[in-house]
């Protein structure tokens, strides 16, 4: 089976655009320098590749792009599903994710939890309901791997331009976490 779809609107945009990235690095530079969005850049890269003007081997095939796009759509849809629960002594009402995405075990037997984007592309992706022991284990793993790593990365960005601000932001973050814990405990 072959899938065909009309991209003449993309071609029109490509022909009208002065911005024509030749590779993914050009695309990222354009995002930094202008208000162009990643979806627009994707269309420009796809049309450029079809016209033979983009030969970046790191870009996925159109077939993989379609698969990735649908997988991401499903993952994003799933991640927006929420359920209302009551937590803590005061039965504070809040919402939590209805589903918790996959975890896998690496070579060392350690659990790895993926965010929605990565989980969408993993062939072994599984989803469990929020109110299961597996979901709690996945949530903890996600917090201790993904979130801690991302906090470190963002604090390092702050350290580049405001080394003294790192402790201040860390203190604000700790206070925000303490408030969350107080609210839901």
N, C-alpha and C. Protein backbone atom coordinates (compact mmCIF):
# COMPACT_ATOMS: atom_id res chain seq x y z
N UNK A 1 0.83 -1.17 0.00
CA UNK A 1 0.00 0.00 0.00
C UNK A 1 0.88 1.24 0.00
N UNK A 2 0.45 2.24 -0.73
CA UNK A 2 1.15 3.51 -0.76
C UNK A 2 0.23 4.58 -0.18
N UNK A 3 0.81 5.50 0.55
CA UNK A 3 0.04 6.61 1.09
C UNK A 3 0.50 7.86 0.36
N UNK A 4 -0.45 8.58 -0.18
CA UNK A 4 -0.14 9.83 -0.87
C UNK A 4 -1.00 10.93 -0.28
N UNK A 5 -0.42 12.10 -0.18
CA UNK A 5 -1.19 13.23 0.28
C UNK A 5 -0.64 14.48 -0.39
N UNK A 6 -1.52 15.45 -0.53
CA UNK A 6 -1.19 16.68 -1.24
C UNK A 6 -0.43 17.63 -0.31
N UNK A 7 0.75 18.02 -0.72
CA UNK A 7 1.53 18.98 0.06
C UNK A 7 1.80 20.25 -0.75
N UNK A 8 0.89 20.54 -1.69
CA UNK A 8 1.10 21.72 -2.53
C UNK A 8 1.12 23.00 -1.70
N UNK A 9 0.38 23.02 -0.57
CA UNK A 9 0.43 24.20 0.29
C UNK A 9 1.83 24.36 0.89
N UNK A 10 2.48 23.23 1.21
CA UNK A 10 3.85 23.29 1.71
C UNK A 10 4.79 23.80 0.63
N UNK A 11 4.57 23.34 -0.60
CA UNK A 11 5.41 23.77 -1.72
C UNK A 11 5.24 25.27 -1.94
N UNK A 12 4.00 25.75 -1.88
CA UNK A 12 3.75 27.19 -2.02
C UNK A 12 4.49 27.98 -0.93
N UNK A 13 4.42 27.48 0.30
CA UNK A 13 5.13 28.13 1.41
C UNK A 13 6.62 28.09 1.16
N UNK A 14 7.13 26.95 0.71
CA UNK A 14 8.56 26.79 0.42
C UNK A 14 8.99 27.79 -0.65
N UNK A 15 8.23 27.86 -1.72
CA UNK A 15 8.58 28.77 -2.82
C UNK A 15 8.53 30.23 -2.39
N UNK A 16 7.63 30.56 -1.48
CA UNK A 16 7.48 31.94 -1.02
C UNK A 16 8.47 32.30 0.08
N UNK A 17 9.09 31.29 0.67
CA UNK A 17 9.96 31.54 1.82
C UNK A 17 11.37 31.93 1.40
N UNK A 18 11.90 32.93 2.10
CA UNK A 18 13.31 33.25 1.91
C UNK A 18 14.17 32.33 2.77
N UNK A 19 13.53 31.72 3.78
CA UNK A 19 14.22 30.80 4.67
C UNK A 19 14.10 29.38 4.12
N UNK A 20 15.22 28.83 3.72
CA UNK A 20 15.23 27.47 3.19
C UNK A 20 16.37 26.69 3.85
N UNK A 21 16.06 26.07 4.99
CA UNK A 21 17.12 25.32 5.67
C UNK A 21 17.61 24.16 4.82
N UNK A 22 18.91 23.93 4.84
CA UNK A 22 19.52 22.84 4.08
C UNK A 22 19.74 21.60 4.94
N UNK A 23 19.65 21.80 6.28
CA UNK A 23 19.85 20.69 7.21
C UNK A 23 19.22 21.06 8.55
N UNK A 24 19.27 20.16 9.48
CA UNK A 24 18.62 20.41 10.76
C UNK A 24 19.30 21.54 11.54
N UNK A 25 20.60 21.70 11.41
CA UNK A 25 21.29 22.80 12.08
C UNK A 25 20.82 24.15 11.55
N UNK A 26 20.64 24.25 10.22
CA UNK A 26 20.07 25.47 9.64
C UNK A 26 18.68 25.74 10.22
N UNK A 27 17.89 24.68 10.37
CA UNK A 27 16.54 24.82 10.90
C UNK A 27 16.57 25.37 12.32
N UNK A 28 17.45 24.85 13.15
CA UNK A 28 17.57 25.32 14.53
C UNK A 28 18.04 26.77 14.56
N UNK A 29 18.99 27.12 13.69
CA UNK A 29 19.43 28.51 13.60
C UNK A 29 18.27 29.44 13.24
N UNK A 30 17.42 28.99 12.32
CA UNK A 30 16.27 29.81 11.93
C UNK A 30 15.31 30.00 13.10
N UNK A 31 15.13 28.97 13.91
CA UNK A 31 14.26 29.09 15.08
C UNK A 31 14.82 30.12 16.06
N UNK A 32 16.13 30.15 16.20
CA UNK A 32 16.76 31.11 17.11
C UNK A 32 16.66 32.53 16.58
N UNK A 33 16.75 32.68 15.27
CA UNK A 33 16.84 34.01 14.67
C UNK A 33 15.51 34.61 14.25
N UNK A 34 14.46 33.81 14.21
CA UNK A 34 13.17 34.32 13.73
C UNK A 34 12.04 33.69 14.52
N UNK A 35 10.84 34.05 14.14
CA UNK A 35 9.65 33.53 14.84
C UNK A 35 9.13 32.25 14.19
N UNK A 36 9.91 31.64 13.32
CA UNK A 36 9.45 30.44 12.62
C UNK A 36 9.28 29.29 13.61
N UNK A 37 8.24 28.52 13.43
CA UNK A 37 7.90 27.42 14.33
C UNK A 37 8.43 26.10 13.78
N UNK A 38 8.56 25.11 14.66
CA UNK A 38 9.12 23.83 14.26
C UNK A 38 8.26 23.13 13.20
N UNK A 39 6.95 23.29 13.26
CA UNK A 39 6.09 22.68 12.24
C UNK A 39 6.34 23.27 10.86
N UNK A 40 6.53 24.59 10.80
CA UNK A 40 6.85 25.24 9.53
C UNK A 40 8.19 24.75 9.00
N UNK A 41 9.16 24.64 9.90
CA UNK A 41 10.48 24.15 9.49
C UNK A 41 10.41 22.72 8.99
N UNK A 42 9.61 21.90 9.65
CA UNK A 42 9.46 20.51 9.21
C UNK A 42 8.96 20.47 7.78
N UNK A 43 7.94 21.28 7.48
CA UNK A 43 7.40 21.31 6.12
C UNK A 43 8.46 21.78 5.12
N UNK A 44 9.24 22.81 5.49
CA UNK A 44 10.29 23.30 4.60
C UNK A 44 11.35 22.22 4.35
N UNK A 45 11.73 21.50 5.39
CA UNK A 45 12.74 20.44 5.24
C UNK A 45 12.21 19.29 4.38
N UNK A 46 10.97 18.92 4.58
CA UNK A 46 10.40 17.81 3.80
C UNK A 46 10.32 18.20 2.32
N UNK A 47 9.81 19.39 2.03
CA UNK A 47 9.73 19.83 0.64
C UNK A 47 11.13 19.96 0.05
N UNK A 48 12.05 20.56 0.80
CA UNK A 48 13.43 20.69 0.33
C UNK A 48 14.06 19.34 0.01
N UNK A 49 13.78 18.35 0.86
CA UNK A 49 14.32 17.01 0.59
C UNK A 49 13.71 16.43 -0.68
N UNK A 50 12.40 16.59 -0.85
CA UNK A 50 11.73 16.06 -2.04
C UNK A 50 12.24 16.74 -3.31
N UNK A 51 12.66 18.00 -3.19
CA UNK A 51 13.20 18.73 -4.34
C UNK A 51 14.71 18.49 -4.52
N UNK A 52 15.30 17.72 -3.62
CA UNK A 52 16.72 17.41 -3.72
C UNK A 52 17.63 18.48 -3.17
N UNK A 53 17.08 19.46 -2.47
CA UNK A 53 17.88 20.56 -1.94
C UNK A 53 18.33 20.32 -0.50
N UNK A 54 17.73 19.35 0.17
CA UNK A 54 18.11 18.99 1.54
C UNK A 54 18.56 17.53 1.50
N UNK A 55 19.80 17.31 1.90
CA UNK A 55 20.34 15.94 1.86
C UNK A 55 20.84 15.49 3.23
N UNK A 56 20.32 16.10 4.28
CA UNK A 56 20.74 15.80 5.65
C UNK A 56 20.36 14.35 5.99
N UNK A 57 21.35 13.50 6.15
CA UNK A 57 21.11 12.08 6.44
C UNK A 57 20.54 11.86 7.82
N UNK A 58 20.65 12.85 8.70
CA UNK A 58 20.13 12.67 10.06
C UNK A 58 18.61 12.85 10.13
N UNK A 59 18.01 13.38 9.08
CA UNK A 59 16.56 13.57 9.09
C UNK A 59 15.85 12.25 8.80
N UNK A 60 14.74 11.99 9.51
CA UNK A 60 14.02 10.74 9.28
C UNK A 60 13.32 10.75 7.93
N UNK A 61 13.06 9.57 7.43
CA UNK A 61 12.32 9.45 6.17
C UNK A 61 10.90 9.98 6.37
N UNK A 62 10.22 10.27 5.27
CA UNK A 62 8.84 10.73 5.37
C UNK A 62 7.97 9.68 6.05
N UNK A 63 8.23 8.41 5.78
CA UNK A 63 7.47 7.33 6.41
C UNK A 63 7.67 7.38 7.92
N UNK A 64 8.90 7.53 8.36
CA UNK A 64 9.19 7.60 9.79
C UNK A 64 8.61 8.88 10.40
N UNK A 65 8.65 9.97 9.64
CA UNK A 65 8.06 11.22 10.12
C UNK A 65 6.56 11.06 10.35
N UNK A 66 5.88 10.38 9.43
CA UNK A 66 4.45 10.12 9.61
C UNK A 66 4.20 9.28 10.85
N UNK A 67 4.98 8.23 11.01
CA UNK A 67 4.83 7.34 12.15
C UNK A 67 5.11 8.09 13.45
N UNK A 68 6.18 8.86 13.46
CA UNK A 68 6.54 9.64 14.64
C UNK A 68 5.45 10.65 14.97
N UNK A 69 4.96 11.33 13.96
CA UNK A 69 3.91 12.32 14.18
C UNK A 69 2.66 11.72 14.80
N UNK A 70 2.23 10.57 14.30
CA UNK A 70 1.04 9.93 14.85
C UNK A 70 1.32 9.42 16.27
N UNK A 71 2.49 8.85 16.50
CA UNK A 71 2.84 8.36 17.83
C UNK A 71 2.86 9.52 18.83
N UNK A 72 3.42 10.66 18.42
CA UNK A 72 3.44 11.82 19.31
C UNK A 72 2.04 12.35 19.57
N UNK A 73 1.20 12.32 18.55
CA UNK A 73 -0.19 12.77 18.73
C UNK A 73 -0.89 11.90 19.77
N UNK A 74 -0.72 10.60 19.67
CA UNK A 74 -1.33 9.68 20.63
C UNK A 74 -0.77 9.93 22.03
N UNK A 75 0.55 10.08 22.14
CA UNK A 75 1.18 10.31 23.44
C UNK A 75 0.71 11.62 24.05
N UNK A 76 0.62 12.66 23.25
CA UNK A 76 0.16 13.95 23.78
C UNK A 76 -1.30 13.89 24.19
N UNK A 77 -2.11 13.23 23.39
CA UNK A 77 -3.52 13.06 23.75
C UNK A 77 -3.62 12.31 25.08
N UNK A 78 -2.88 11.21 25.17
CA UNK A 78 -2.89 10.42 26.39
C UNK A 78 -2.42 11.25 27.59
N UNK A 79 -1.38 12.06 27.40
CA UNK A 79 -0.84 12.83 28.52
C UNK A 79 -1.78 13.94 28.98
N UNK A 80 -2.72 14.33 28.14
CA UNK A 80 -3.70 15.36 28.54
C UNK A 80 -4.89 14.77 29.29
N UNK A 81 -5.00 13.44 29.33
CA UNK A 81 -6.10 12.80 30.05
C UNK A 81 -5.82 12.90 31.54
N UNK A 82 -6.75 13.49 32.27
CA UNK A 82 -6.56 13.73 33.70
C UNK A 82 -7.75 13.17 34.47
N UNK A 83 -7.53 12.89 35.73
CA UNK A 83 -8.59 12.43 36.61
C UNK A 83 -8.50 13.24 37.90
N UNK A 84 -9.64 13.57 38.48
CA UNK A 84 -9.68 14.34 39.71
C UNK A 84 -9.61 13.38 40.90
N UNK A 85 -8.73 13.70 41.85
CA UNK A 85 -8.57 12.89 43.06
C UNK A 85 -8.54 13.82 44.27
N UNK A 86 -8.77 13.24 45.45
CA UNK A 86 -8.67 13.98 46.71
C UNK A 86 -7.46 13.43 47.45
N UNK A 87 -6.59 14.35 47.91
CA UNK A 87 -5.33 13.95 48.53
C UNK A 87 -5.16 14.59 49.90
N UNK A 88 -4.40 13.91 50.74
CA UNK A 88 -3.98 14.46 52.02
C UNK A 88 -5.06 14.48 53.08
N UNK A 89 -4.67 14.98 54.25
CA UNK A 89 -5.59 15.04 55.39
C UNK A 89 -6.80 15.91 55.09
N UNK A 90 -6.59 16.96 54.35
CA UNK A 90 -7.68 17.90 54.04
C UNK A 90 -8.47 17.50 52.80
N UNK A 91 -8.12 16.34 52.23
CA UNK A 91 -8.81 15.88 51.02
C UNK A 91 -8.83 16.97 49.94
N UNK A 92 -7.65 17.56 49.74
CA UNK A 92 -7.47 18.59 48.71
C UNK A 92 -7.76 17.97 47.34
N UNK A 93 -8.63 18.60 46.58
CA UNK A 93 -8.97 18.08 45.25
C UNK A 93 -7.99 18.61 44.21
N UNK A 94 -7.46 17.71 43.43
CA UNK A 94 -6.51 18.08 42.39
C UNK A 94 -6.64 17.08 41.25
N UNK A 95 -5.95 17.36 40.16
CA UNK A 95 -5.97 16.40 39.05
C UNK A 95 -4.60 15.76 38.91
N UNK A 96 -4.62 14.53 38.44
CA UNK A 96 -3.39 13.78 38.18
C UNK A 96 -3.50 13.17 36.79
N UNK A 97 -2.38 12.82 36.19
CA UNK A 97 -2.45 12.15 34.89
C UNK A 97 -3.23 10.83 35.02
N UNK A 98 -4.12 10.59 34.08
CA UNK A 98 -4.93 9.36 34.09
C UNK A 98 -4.07 8.12 33.82
N UNK A 99 -3.04 8.31 33.02
CA UNK A 99 -2.16 7.20 32.63
C UNK A 99 -0.71 7.55 32.92
N UNK A 100 0.08 6.55 33.21
CA UNK A 100 1.51 6.74 33.42
C UNK A 100 2.23 5.92 32.35
N UNK A 101 3.13 6.59 31.64
CA UNK A 101 3.81 5.96 30.50
C UNK A 101 4.84 4.94 30.95
N UNK A 102 5.49 4.41 29.98
CA UNK A 102 6.33 3.23 30.10
C UNK A 102 7.55 3.39 30.99
N UNK A 103 7.95 2.27 31.51
CA UNK A 103 9.28 2.17 32.08
C UNK A 103 9.90 0.92 31.48
N UNK A 104 11.17 0.96 31.33
CA UNK A 104 11.88 -0.23 30.87
C UNK A 104 13.04 -0.46 31.80
N UNK A 105 13.66 -1.58 31.69
CA UNK A 105 14.81 -1.90 32.51
C UNK A 105 16.04 -1.90 31.62
N UNK A 106 17.07 -1.19 32.05
CA UNK A 106 18.30 -1.16 31.25
C UNK A 106 19.16 -2.39 31.55
N UNK A 107 20.34 -2.42 30.96
CA UNK A 107 21.24 -3.57 31.10
C UNK A 107 21.60 -3.88 32.54
N UNK A 108 21.61 -2.85 33.39
CA UNK A 108 21.98 -3.02 34.79
C UNK A 108 20.79 -3.35 35.68
N UNK A 109 19.61 -3.54 35.07
CA UNK A 109 18.43 -3.84 35.85
C UNK A 109 17.76 -2.62 36.45
N UNK A 110 18.25 -1.42 36.08
CA UNK A 110 17.68 -0.18 36.60
C UNK A 110 16.47 0.21 35.76
N UNK A 111 15.42 0.70 36.43
CA UNK A 111 14.24 1.16 35.72
C UNK A 111 14.49 2.52 35.09
N UNK A 112 14.02 2.69 33.88
CA UNK A 112 14.10 3.98 33.19
C UNK A 112 12.67 4.37 32.82
N UNK A 113 12.31 5.60 33.09
CA UNK A 113 10.98 6.09 32.74
C UNK A 113 11.16 7.16 31.69
N UNK A 114 10.35 7.08 30.65
CA UNK A 114 10.45 8.02 29.55
C UNK A 114 9.36 9.07 29.63
N UNK A 115 9.67 10.26 29.12
CA UNK A 115 8.62 11.25 29.01
C UNK A 115 7.75 10.91 27.81
N UNK A 116 6.69 11.67 27.61
CA UNK A 116 5.71 11.35 26.57
C UNK A 116 6.34 11.26 25.19
N UNK A 117 7.26 12.17 24.89
CA UNK A 117 7.85 12.20 23.56
C UNK A 117 8.64 10.94 23.29
N UNK A 118 9.51 10.58 24.22
CA UNK A 118 10.33 9.39 24.03
C UNK A 118 9.47 8.13 24.07
N UNK A 119 8.54 8.08 25.03
CA UNK A 119 7.69 6.90 25.17
C UNK A 119 6.88 6.64 23.91
N UNK A 120 6.51 7.70 23.21
CA UNK A 120 5.72 7.54 22.00
C UNK A 120 6.47 6.76 20.93
N UNK A 121 7.78 6.84 20.96
CA UNK A 121 8.58 6.23 19.91
C UNK A 121 9.17 4.88 20.31
N UNK A 122 9.02 4.49 21.55
CA UNK A 122 9.58 3.22 22.01
C UNK A 122 8.63 2.09 21.66
N UNK A 123 9.11 1.05 21.00
CA UNK A 123 8.22 -0.04 20.62
C UNK A 123 7.65 -0.81 21.81
N UNK A 124 8.33 -0.75 22.95
CA UNK A 124 7.87 -1.48 24.13
C UNK A 124 7.01 -0.61 25.04
N UNK A 125 6.55 0.54 24.57
CA UNK A 125 5.80 1.46 25.40
C UNK A 125 4.56 0.78 25.96
N UNK A 126 4.38 0.94 27.26
CA UNK A 126 3.16 0.49 27.91
C UNK A 126 2.60 1.63 28.71
N UNK A 127 1.33 1.53 29.03
CA UNK A 127 0.64 2.56 29.79
C UNK A 127 -0.13 1.87 30.90
N UNK A 128 -0.08 2.43 32.10
CA UNK A 128 -0.85 1.89 33.21
C UNK A 128 -1.70 2.99 33.82
N UNK A 129 -2.76 2.59 34.52
CA UNK A 129 -3.62 3.54 35.21
C UNK A 129 -2.87 4.19 36.36
N UNK A 130 -3.27 5.39 36.69
CA UNK A 130 -2.62 6.20 37.73
C UNK A 130 -2.66 5.57 39.11
N UNK A 131 -3.65 4.75 39.41
CA UNK A 131 -3.88 4.28 40.77
C UNK A 131 -3.38 2.87 41.02
N UNK A 132 -2.23 2.55 40.42
CA UNK A 132 -1.65 1.22 40.60
C UNK A 132 -0.25 1.34 41.20
N UNK A 133 0.22 0.28 41.86
CA UNK A 133 1.59 0.31 42.38
C UNK A 133 2.64 0.53 41.29
N UNK A 134 2.38 -0.02 40.11
CA UNK A 134 3.32 0.17 39.00
C UNK A 134 3.40 1.65 38.63
N UNK A 135 2.26 2.34 38.64
CA UNK A 135 2.25 3.77 38.31
C UNK A 135 3.07 4.55 39.33
N UNK A 136 2.94 4.21 40.61
CA UNK A 136 3.70 4.90 41.66
C UNK A 136 5.20 4.68 41.46
N UNK A 137 5.58 3.45 41.12
CA UNK A 137 6.99 3.14 40.90
C UNK A 137 7.51 3.92 39.67
N UNK A 138 6.71 3.95 38.62
CA UNK A 138 7.10 4.69 37.42
C UNK A 138 7.22 6.18 37.72
N UNK A 139 6.29 6.73 38.50
CA UNK A 139 6.33 8.15 38.82
C UNK A 139 7.60 8.49 39.60
N UNK A 140 7.94 7.65 40.56
CA UNK A 140 9.16 7.89 41.34
C UNK A 140 10.39 7.81 40.45
N UNK A 141 10.45 6.80 39.60
CA UNK A 141 11.59 6.64 38.70
C UNK A 141 11.72 7.85 37.78
N UNK A 142 10.60 8.32 37.25
CA UNK A 142 10.61 9.50 36.38
C UNK A 142 11.15 10.72 37.12
N UNK A 143 10.65 10.94 38.34
CA UNK A 143 11.12 12.09 39.12
C UNK A 143 12.61 12.02 39.39
N UNK A 144 13.10 10.83 39.74
CA UNK A 144 14.50 10.69 40.13
C UNK A 144 15.45 10.64 38.93
N UNK A 145 14.96 10.34 37.75
CA UNK A 145 15.84 10.30 36.58
C UNK A 145 15.62 11.54 35.71
N UNK A 146 14.49 11.64 35.10
CA UNK A 146 14.24 12.72 34.15
C UNK A 146 14.20 14.10 34.80
N UNK A 147 13.42 14.23 35.87
CA UNK A 147 13.22 15.55 36.47
C UNK A 147 14.52 16.07 37.09
N UNK A 148 15.20 15.25 37.85
CA UNK A 148 16.46 15.68 38.48
C UNK A 148 17.47 16.10 37.41
N UNK A 149 17.57 15.33 36.35
CA UNK A 149 18.48 15.68 35.26
C UNK A 149 18.12 16.99 34.59
N UNK A 150 16.84 17.21 34.39
CA UNK A 150 16.40 18.46 33.76
C UNK A 150 16.63 19.65 34.67
N UNK A 151 16.40 19.46 35.96
CA UNK A 151 16.67 20.55 36.91
C UNK A 151 18.16 20.90 36.86
N UNK A 152 19.02 19.90 36.86
CA UNK A 152 20.46 20.15 36.79
C UNK A 152 20.81 20.93 35.52
N UNK A 153 20.25 20.51 34.39
CA UNK A 153 20.53 21.19 33.13
C UNK A 153 20.11 22.66 33.18
N UNK A 154 18.93 22.94 33.71
CA UNK A 154 18.44 24.31 33.75
C UNK A 154 19.22 25.15 34.75
N UNK A 155 19.60 24.55 35.89
CA UNK A 155 20.43 25.29 36.83
C UNK A 155 21.79 25.61 36.22
N UNK A 156 22.31 24.70 35.42
CA UNK A 156 23.59 24.96 34.74
C UNK A 156 23.44 26.13 33.76
N UNK A 157 22.30 26.22 33.09
CA UNK A 157 22.06 27.35 32.18
C UNK A 157 22.06 28.65 32.97
N UNK A 158 21.40 28.65 34.12
CA UNK A 158 21.39 29.85 34.98
C UNK A 158 22.82 30.19 35.42
N UNK A 159 23.59 29.17 35.76
CA UNK A 159 24.97 29.39 36.23
C UNK A 159 25.84 30.06 35.18
N UNK A 160 25.54 29.85 33.91
CA UNK A 160 26.34 30.46 32.84
C UNK A 160 26.25 31.98 32.90
N UNK A 161 25.04 32.51 33.13
CA UNK A 161 24.88 33.97 33.10
C UNK A 161 24.70 34.60 34.47
N UNK A 162 24.34 33.79 35.48
CA UNK A 162 24.07 34.33 36.81
C UNK A 162 24.49 33.32 37.87
N UNK A 163 25.81 33.10 38.03
CA UNK A 163 26.27 32.08 38.97
C UNK A 163 25.70 32.24 40.37
N UNK A 164 25.52 33.45 40.81
CA UNK A 164 24.94 33.68 42.13
C UNK A 164 23.46 33.35 42.21
N UNK A 165 22.82 33.28 41.06
CA UNK A 165 21.39 33.01 41.03
C UNK A 165 21.03 31.55 41.19
N UNK A 166 22.00 30.68 41.05
CA UNK A 166 21.73 29.25 41.12
C UNK A 166 21.16 28.87 42.49
N UNK A 167 21.79 29.33 43.55
CA UNK A 167 21.30 28.99 44.89
C UNK A 167 19.93 29.58 45.14
N UNK A 168 19.71 30.81 44.68
CA UNK A 168 18.42 31.46 44.86
C UNK A 168 17.31 30.66 44.15
N UNK A 169 17.54 30.25 42.92
CA UNK A 169 16.56 29.48 42.18
C UNK A 169 16.35 28.11 42.83
N UNK A 170 17.44 27.49 43.29
CA UNK A 170 17.34 26.19 43.96
C UNK A 170 16.49 26.33 45.22
N UNK A 171 16.68 27.39 45.98
CA UNK A 171 15.90 27.62 47.19
C UNK A 171 14.42 27.83 46.85
N UNK A 172 14.15 28.59 45.78
CA UNK A 172 12.76 28.80 45.34
C UNK A 172 12.13 27.48 44.92
N UNK A 173 12.90 26.66 44.23
CA UNK A 173 12.40 25.36 43.78
C UNK A 173 12.10 24.45 44.97
N UNK A 174 13.00 24.43 45.94
CA UNK A 174 12.77 23.62 47.15
C UNK A 174 11.51 24.09 47.87
N UNK A 175 11.33 25.41 47.97
CA UNK A 175 10.15 25.95 48.63
C UNK A 175 8.87 25.56 47.87
N UNK A 176 8.93 25.59 46.56
CA UNK A 176 7.77 25.20 45.76
C UNK A 176 7.44 23.72 45.96
N UNK A 177 8.47 22.88 46.03
CA UNK A 177 8.27 21.45 46.28
C UNK A 177 7.69 21.24 47.67
N UNK A 178 8.21 21.96 48.66
CA UNK A 178 7.68 21.85 50.02
C UNK A 178 6.19 22.22 50.06
N UNK A 179 5.80 23.25 49.34
CA UNK A 179 4.39 23.64 49.27
C UNK A 179 3.53 22.54 48.65
N UNK A 180 4.03 21.94 47.59
CA UNK A 180 3.29 20.84 46.95
C UNK A 180 3.11 19.69 47.93
N UNK A 181 4.20 19.32 48.61
CA UNK A 181 4.15 18.21 49.56
C UNK A 181 3.15 18.52 50.68
N UNK A 182 3.18 19.75 51.19
CA UNK A 182 2.23 20.14 52.24
C UNK A 182 0.79 20.06 51.73
N UNK A 183 0.58 20.49 50.51
CA UNK A 183 -0.76 20.50 49.92
C UNK A 183 -1.34 19.10 49.73
N UNK A 184 -0.52 18.15 49.30
CA UNK A 184 -1.05 16.83 48.95
C UNK A 184 -0.83 15.75 50.01
N UNK A 185 -0.11 16.08 51.09
CA UNK A 185 0.15 15.08 52.13
C UNK A 185 -1.00 15.01 53.13
